[in-house]
Amino acid sequence: MNEDILSVVYLLLVLALILPGFIYKNRNKKTLFNNFIIWFVIIGVTIILFKFLFN
């Protein structure tokens, strides 16, 4: 369980480092929204694959 918590903390820290540049680069709201959807799909698929493959 501790490794799961540590993984989440690392993910949040990486997100905190990347997010400001991501928002600055995507000033147009439509582009920003489309990119967020793409990233949510990528992260969702990754989480689902890890749940099925490593459980």
PDB file of N, CA and C in Angstrom:
ATOM      1  N   MET A   1       0.818  -1.199   0.000  1.00  0.00           N
ATOM      2  CA  MET A   1       0.000   0.000   0.000  1.00  0.00           C
ATOM      3  C   MET A   1       0.858   1.258   0.000  1.00  0.00           C
ATOM      4  N   ASN A   2       1.987   1.238   0.672  1.00  0.00           N
ATOM      5  CA  ASN A   2       2.841   2.414   0.716  1.00  0.00           C
ATOM      6  C   ASN A   2       3.422   2.755  -0.653  1.00  0.00           C
ATOM      7  N   GLU A   3       3.697   1.730  -1.461  1.00  0.00           N
ATOM      8  CA  GLU A   3       4.205   1.978  -2.801  1.00  0.00           C
ATOM      9  C   GLU A   3       3.147   2.646  -3.673  1.00  0.00           C
ATOM     10  N   ASP A   4       1.885   2.302  -3.476  1.00  0.00           N
ATOM     11  CA  ASP A   4       0.804   2.934  -4.221  1.00  0.00           C
ATOM     12  C   ASP A   4       0.710   4.413  -3.865  1.00  0.00           C
ATOM     13  N   ILE A   5       0.813   4.717  -2.595  1.00  0.00           N
ATOM     14  CA  ILE A   5       0.739   6.112  -2.158  1.00  0.00           C
ATOM     15  C   ILE A   5       1.926   6.893  -2.705  1.00  0.00           C
ATOM     16  N   LEU A   6       3.097   6.306  -2.677  1.00  0.00           N
ATOM     17  CA  LEU A   6       4.297   6.962  -3.192  1.00  0.00           C
ATOM     18  C   LEU A   6       4.185   7.213  -4.694  1.00  0.00           C
ATOM     19  N   SER A   7       3.603   6.279  -5.420  1.00  0.00           N
ATOM     20  CA  SER A   7       3.403   6.456  -6.861  1.00  0.00           C
ATOM     21  C   SER A   7       2.465   7.621  -7.141  1.00  0.00           C
ATOM     22  N   VAL A   8       1.413   7.735  -6.362  1.00  0.00           N
ATOM     23  CA  VAL A   8       0.462   8.838  -6.532  1.00  0.00           C
ATOM     24  C   VAL A   8       1.144  10.169  -6.225  1.00  0.00           C
ATOM     25  N   VAL A   9       1.958  10.206  -5.196  1.00  0.00           N
ATOM     26  CA  VAL A   9       2.674  11.433  -4.845  1.00  0.00           C
ATOM     27  C   VAL A   9       3.618  11.826  -5.974  1.00  0.00           C
ATOM     28  N   TYR A  10       4.359  10.881  -6.524  1.00  0.00           N
ATOM     29  CA  TYR A  10       5.252  11.172  -7.650  1.00  0.00           C
ATOM     30  C   TYR A  10       4.473  11.694  -8.856  1.00  0.00           C
ATOM     31  N   LEU A  11       3.339  11.082  -9.149  1.00  0.00           N
ATOM     32  CA  LEU A  11       2.519  11.518 -10.266  1.00  0.00           C
ATOM     33  C   LEU A  11       2.035  12.947 -10.059  1.00  0.00           C
ATOM     34  N   LEU A  12       1.598  13.269  -8.857  1.00  0.00           N
ATOM     35  CA  LEU A  12       1.124  14.622  -8.568  1.00  0.00           C
ATOM     36  C   LEU A  12       2.263  15.644  -8.653  1.00  0.00           C
ATOM     37  N   LEU A  13       3.450  15.276  -8.201  1.00  0.00           N
ATOM     38  CA  LEU A  13       4.586  16.196  -8.285  1.00  0.00           C
ATOM     39  C   LEU A  13       4.998  16.450  -9.733  1.00  0.00           C
ATOM     40  N   VAL A  14       4.995  15.414 -10.549  1.00  0.00           N
ATOM     41  CA  VAL A  14       5.310  15.592 -11.972  1.00  0.00           C
ATOM     42  C   VAL A  14       4.237  16.455 -12.630  1.00  0.00           C
ATOM     43  N   LEU A  15       2.992  16.228 -12.275  1.00  0.00           N
ATOM     44  CA  LEU A  15       1.898  17.042 -12.812  1.00  0.00           C
ATOM     45  C   LEU A  15       2.059  18.503 -12.404  1.00  0.00           C
ATOM     46  N   ALA A  16       2.465  18.750 -11.170  1.00  0.00           N
ATOM     47  CA  ALA A  16       2.675  20.122 -10.699  1.00  0.00           C
ATOM     48  C   ALA A  16       3.810  20.804 -11.461  1.00  0.00           C
ATOM     49  N   LEU A  17       4.804  20.048 -11.894  1.00  0.00           N
ATOM     50  CA  LEU A  17       5.899  20.628 -12.667  1.00  0.00           C
ATOM     51  C   LEU A  17       5.502  20.906 -14.117  1.00  0.00           C
ATOM     52  N   ILE A  18       4.692  20.048 -14.690  1.00  0.00           N
ATOM     53  CA  ILE A  18       4.350  20.153 -16.105  1.00  0.00           C
ATOM     54  C   ILE A  18       3.157  21.068 -16.360  1.00  0.00           C
ATOM     55  N   LEU A  19       2.217  21.108 -15.449  1.00  0.00           N
ATOM     56  CA  LEU A  19       0.945  21.810 -15.669  1.00  0.00           C
ATOM     57  C   LEU A  19       1.096  23.295 -16.001  1.00  0.00           C
ATOM     58  N   PRO A  20       1.921  24.082 -15.313  1.00  0.00           N
ATOM     59  CA  PRO A  20       2.006  25.510 -15.675  1.00  0.00           C
ATOM     60  C   PRO A  20       2.468  25.748 -17.119  1.00  0.00           C
ATOM     61  N   GLY A  21       3.460  25.008 -17.561  1.00  0.00           N
ATOM     62  CA  GLY A  21       3.917  25.141 -18.941  1.00  0.00           C
ATOM     63  C   GLY A  21       2.872  24.675 -19.934  1.00  0.00           C
ATOM     64  N   PHE A  22       2.142  23.645 -19.571  1.00  0.00           N
ATOM     65  CA  PHE A  22       1.079  23.113 -20.424  1.00  0.00           C
ATOM     66  C   PHE A  22      -0.018  24.150 -20.607  1.00  0.00           C
ATOM     67  N   ILE A  23      -0.416  24.804 -19.524  1.00  0.00           N
ATOM     68  CA  ILE A  23      -1.474  25.816 -19.598  1.00  0.00           C
ATOM     69  C   ILE A  23      -0.979  27.045 -20.362  1.00  0.00           C
ATOM     70  N   TYR A  24       0.271  27.444 -20.131  1.00  0.00           N
ATOM     71  CA  TYR A  24       0.831  28.591 -20.844  1.00  0.00           C
ATOM     72  C   TYR A  24       0.892  28.334 -22.344  1.00  0.00           C
ATOM     73  N   LYS A  25       1.256  27.126 -22.717  1.00  0.00           N
ATOM     74  CA  LYS A  25       1.393  26.775 -24.125  1.00  0.00           C
ATOM     75  C   LYS A  25       0.034  26.708 -24.826  1.00  0.00           C
ATOM     76  N   ASN A  26      -1.022  26.381 -24.075  1.00  0.00           N
ATOM     77  CA  ASN A  26      -2.361  26.201 -24.646  1.00  0.00           C
ATOM     78  C   ASN A  26      -3.286  27.310 -24.158  1.00  0.00           C
ATOM     79  N   ARG A  27      -2.992  28.533 -24.568  1.00  0.00           N
ATOM     80  CA  ARG A  27      -3.797  29.673 -24.112  1.00  0.00           C
ATOM     81  C   ARG A  27      -5.210  29.643 -24.662  1.00  0.00           C
ATOM     82  N   ASN A  28      -5.389  29.130 -25.862  1.00  0.00           N
ATOM     83  CA  ASN A  28      -6.712  29.016 -26.454  1.00  0.00           C
ATOM     84  C   ASN A  28      -7.503  27.957 -25.696  1.00  0.00           C
ATOM     85  N   LYS A  29      -8.689  28.302 -25.212  1.00  0.00           N
ATOM     86  CA  LYS A  29      -9.463  27.384 -24.366  1.00  0.00           C
ATOM     87  C   LYS A  29      -9.872  26.121 -25.105  1.00  0.00           C
ATOM     88  N   LYS A  30     -10.176  26.227 -26.391  1.00  0.00           N
ATOM     89  CA  LYS A  30     -10.577  25.037 -27.145  1.00  0.00           C
ATOM     90  C   LYS A  30      -9.400  24.064 -27.264  1.00  0.00           C
ATOM     91  N   THR A  31      -8.223  24.572 -27.560  1.00  0.00           N
ATOM     92  CA  THR A  31      -7.034  23.730 -27.652  1.00  0.00           C
ATOM     93  C   THR A  31      -6.709  23.113 -26.307  1.00  0.00           C
ATOM     94  N   LEU A  32      -6.806  23.908 -25.243  1.00  0.00           N
ATOM     95  CA  LEU A  32      -6.547  23.416 -23.900  1.00  0.00           C
ATOM     96  C   LEU A  32      -7.512  22.291 -23.541  1.00  0.00           C
ATOM     97  N   PHE A  33      -8.793  22.476 -23.827  1.00  0.00           N
ATOM     98  CA  PHE A  33      -9.795  21.459 -23.522  1.00  0.00           C
ATOM     99  C   PHE A  33      -9.528  20.168 -24.291  1.00  0.00           C
ATOM    100  N   ASN A  34      -9.196  20.294 -25.569  1.00  0.00           N
ATOM    101  CA  ASN A  34      -8.902  19.101 -26.382  1.00  0.00           C
ATOM    102  C   ASN A  34      -7.675  18.364 -25.851  1.00  0.00           C
ATOM    103  N   ASN A  35      -6.640  19.113 -25.460  1.00  0.00           N
ATOM    104  CA  ASN A  35      -5.439  18.473 -24.932  1.00  0.00           C
ATOM    105  C   ASN A  35      -5.703  17.798 -23.594  1.00  0.00           C
ATOM    106  N   PHE A  36      -6.522  18.415 -22.735  1.00  0.00           N
ATOM    107  CA  PHE A  36      -6.886  17.776 -21.469  1.00  0.00           C
ATOM    108  C   PHE A  36      -7.635  16.471 -21.702  1.00  0.00           C
ATOM    109  N   ILE A  37      -8.534  16.461 -22.670  1.00  0.00           N
ATOM    110  CA  ILE A  37      -9.268  15.228 -22.976  1.00  0.00           C
ATOM    111  C   ILE A  37      -8.305  14.140 -23.433  1.00  0.00           C
ATOM    112  N   ILE A  38      -7.369  14.497 -24.299  1.00  0.00           N
ATOM    113  CA  ILE A  38      -6.392  13.514 -24.783  1.00  0.00           C
ATOM    114  C   ILE A  38      -5.576  12.957 -23.624  1.00  0.00           C
ATOM    115  N   TRP A  39      -5.113  13.829 -22.716  1.00  0.00           N
ATOM    116  CA  TRP A  39      -4.301  13.370 -21.589  1.00  0.00           C
ATOM    117  C   TRP A  39      -5.115  12.524 -20.621  1.00  0.00           C
ATOM    118  N   PHE A  40      -6.381  12.874 -20.385  1.00  0.00           N
ATOM    119  CA  PHE A  40      -7.218  12.054 -19.500  1.00  0.00           C
ATOM    120  C   PHE A  40      -7.430  10.667 -20.092  1.00  0.00           C
ATOM    121  N   VAL A  41      -7.597  10.580 -21.396  1.00  0.00           N
ATOM    122  CA  VAL A  41      -7.758   9.277 -22.049  1.00  0.00           C
ATOM    123  C   VAL A  41      -6.466   8.465 -21.918  1.00  0.00           C
ATOM    124  N   ILE A  42      -5.321   9.093 -22.159  1.00  0.00           N
ATOM    125  CA  ILE A  42      -4.039   8.388 -22.055  1.00  0.00           C
ATOM    126  C   ILE A  42      -3.820   7.872 -20.637  1.00  0.00           C
ATOM    127  N   ILE A  43      -4.051   8.723 -19.654  1.00  0.00           N
ATOM    128  CA  ILE A  43      -3.858   8.320 -18.260  1.00  0.00           C
ATOM    129  C   ILE A  43      -4.868   7.245 -17.864  1.00  0.00           C
ATOM    130  N   GLY A  44      -6.105   7.388 -18.307  1.00  0.00           N
ATOM    131  CA  GLY A  44      -7.127   6.391 -17.993  1.00  0.00           C
ATOM    132  C   GLY A  44      -6.801   5.022 -18.573  1.00  0.00           C
ATOM    133  N   VAL A  45      -6.378   4.994 -19.823  1.00  0.00           N
ATOM    134  CA  VAL A  45      -6.012   3.723 -20.454  1.00  0.00           C
ATOM    135  C   VAL A  45      -4.819   3.100 -19.742  1.00  0.00           C
ATOM    136  N   THR A  46      -3.845   3.924 -19.373  1.00  0.00           N
ATOM    137  CA  THR A  46      -2.670   3.421 -18.658  1.00  0.00           C
ATOM    138  C   THR A  46      -3.059   2.815 -17.324  1.00  0.00           C
ATOM    139  N   ILE A  47      -3.916   3.489 -16.583  1.00  0.00           N
ATOM    140  CA  ILE A  47      -4.354   2.970 -15.278  1.00  0.00           C
ATOM    141  C   ILE A  47      -5.115   1.668 -15.443  1.00  0.00           C
ATOM    142  N   ILE A  48      -6.000   1.604 -16.421  1.00  0.00           N
ATOM    143  CA  ILE A  48      -6.771   0.390 -16.652  1.00  0.00           C
ATOM    144  C   ILE A  48      -5.850  -0.773 -17.041  1.00  0.00           C
ATOM    145  N   LEU A  49      -4.882  -0.514 -17.911  1.00  0.00           N
ATOM    146  CA  LEU A  49      -3.938  -1.571 -18.311  1.00  0.00           C
ATOM    147  C   LEU A  49      -3.135  -2.078 -17.109  1.00  0.00           C
ATOM    148  N   PHE A  50      -2.662  -1.165 -16.280  1.00  0.00           N
ATOM    149  CA  PHE A  50      -1.891  -1.584 -15.102  1.00  0.00           C
ATOM    150  C   PHE A  50      -2.759  -2.385 -14.130  1.00  0.00           C
ATOM    151  N   LYS A  51      -4.026  -2.013 -14.010  1.00  0.00           N
ATOM    152  CA  LYS A  51      -4.921  -2.755 -13.098  1.00  0.00           C
ATOM    153  C   LYS A  51      -5.116  -4.179 -13.600  1.00  0.00           C
ATOM    154  N   PHE A  52      -5.299  -4.352 -14.909  1.00  0.00           N
ATOM    155  CA  PHE A  52      -5.558  -5.678 -15.443  1.00  0.00           C
ATOM    156  C   PHE A  52      -4.289  -6.520 -15.574  1.00  0.00           C
ATOM    157  N   LEU A  53      -3.186  -5.902 -15.908  1.00  0.00           N
ATOM    158  CA  LEU A  53      -1.954  -6.654 -16.158  1.00  0.00           C
ATOM    159  C   LEU A  53      -1.184  -7.008 -14.886  1.00  0.00           C
ATOM    160  N   PHE A  54      -1.249  -6.153 -13.881  1.00  0.00           N
ATOM    161  CA  PHE A  54      -0.410  -6.350 -12.702  1.00  0.00           C
ATOM    162  C   PHE A  54      -1.204  -6.674 -11.454  1.00  0.00           C
ATOM    163  N   ASN A  55      -2.418  -7.129 -11.581  1.00  0.00           N
ATOM    164  CA  ASN A  55      -3.208  -7.578 -10.416  1.00  0.00           C
ATOM    165  C   ASN A  55      -3.258  -9.060 -10.333  1.00  0.00           C
TER     166      ASN A  55
END
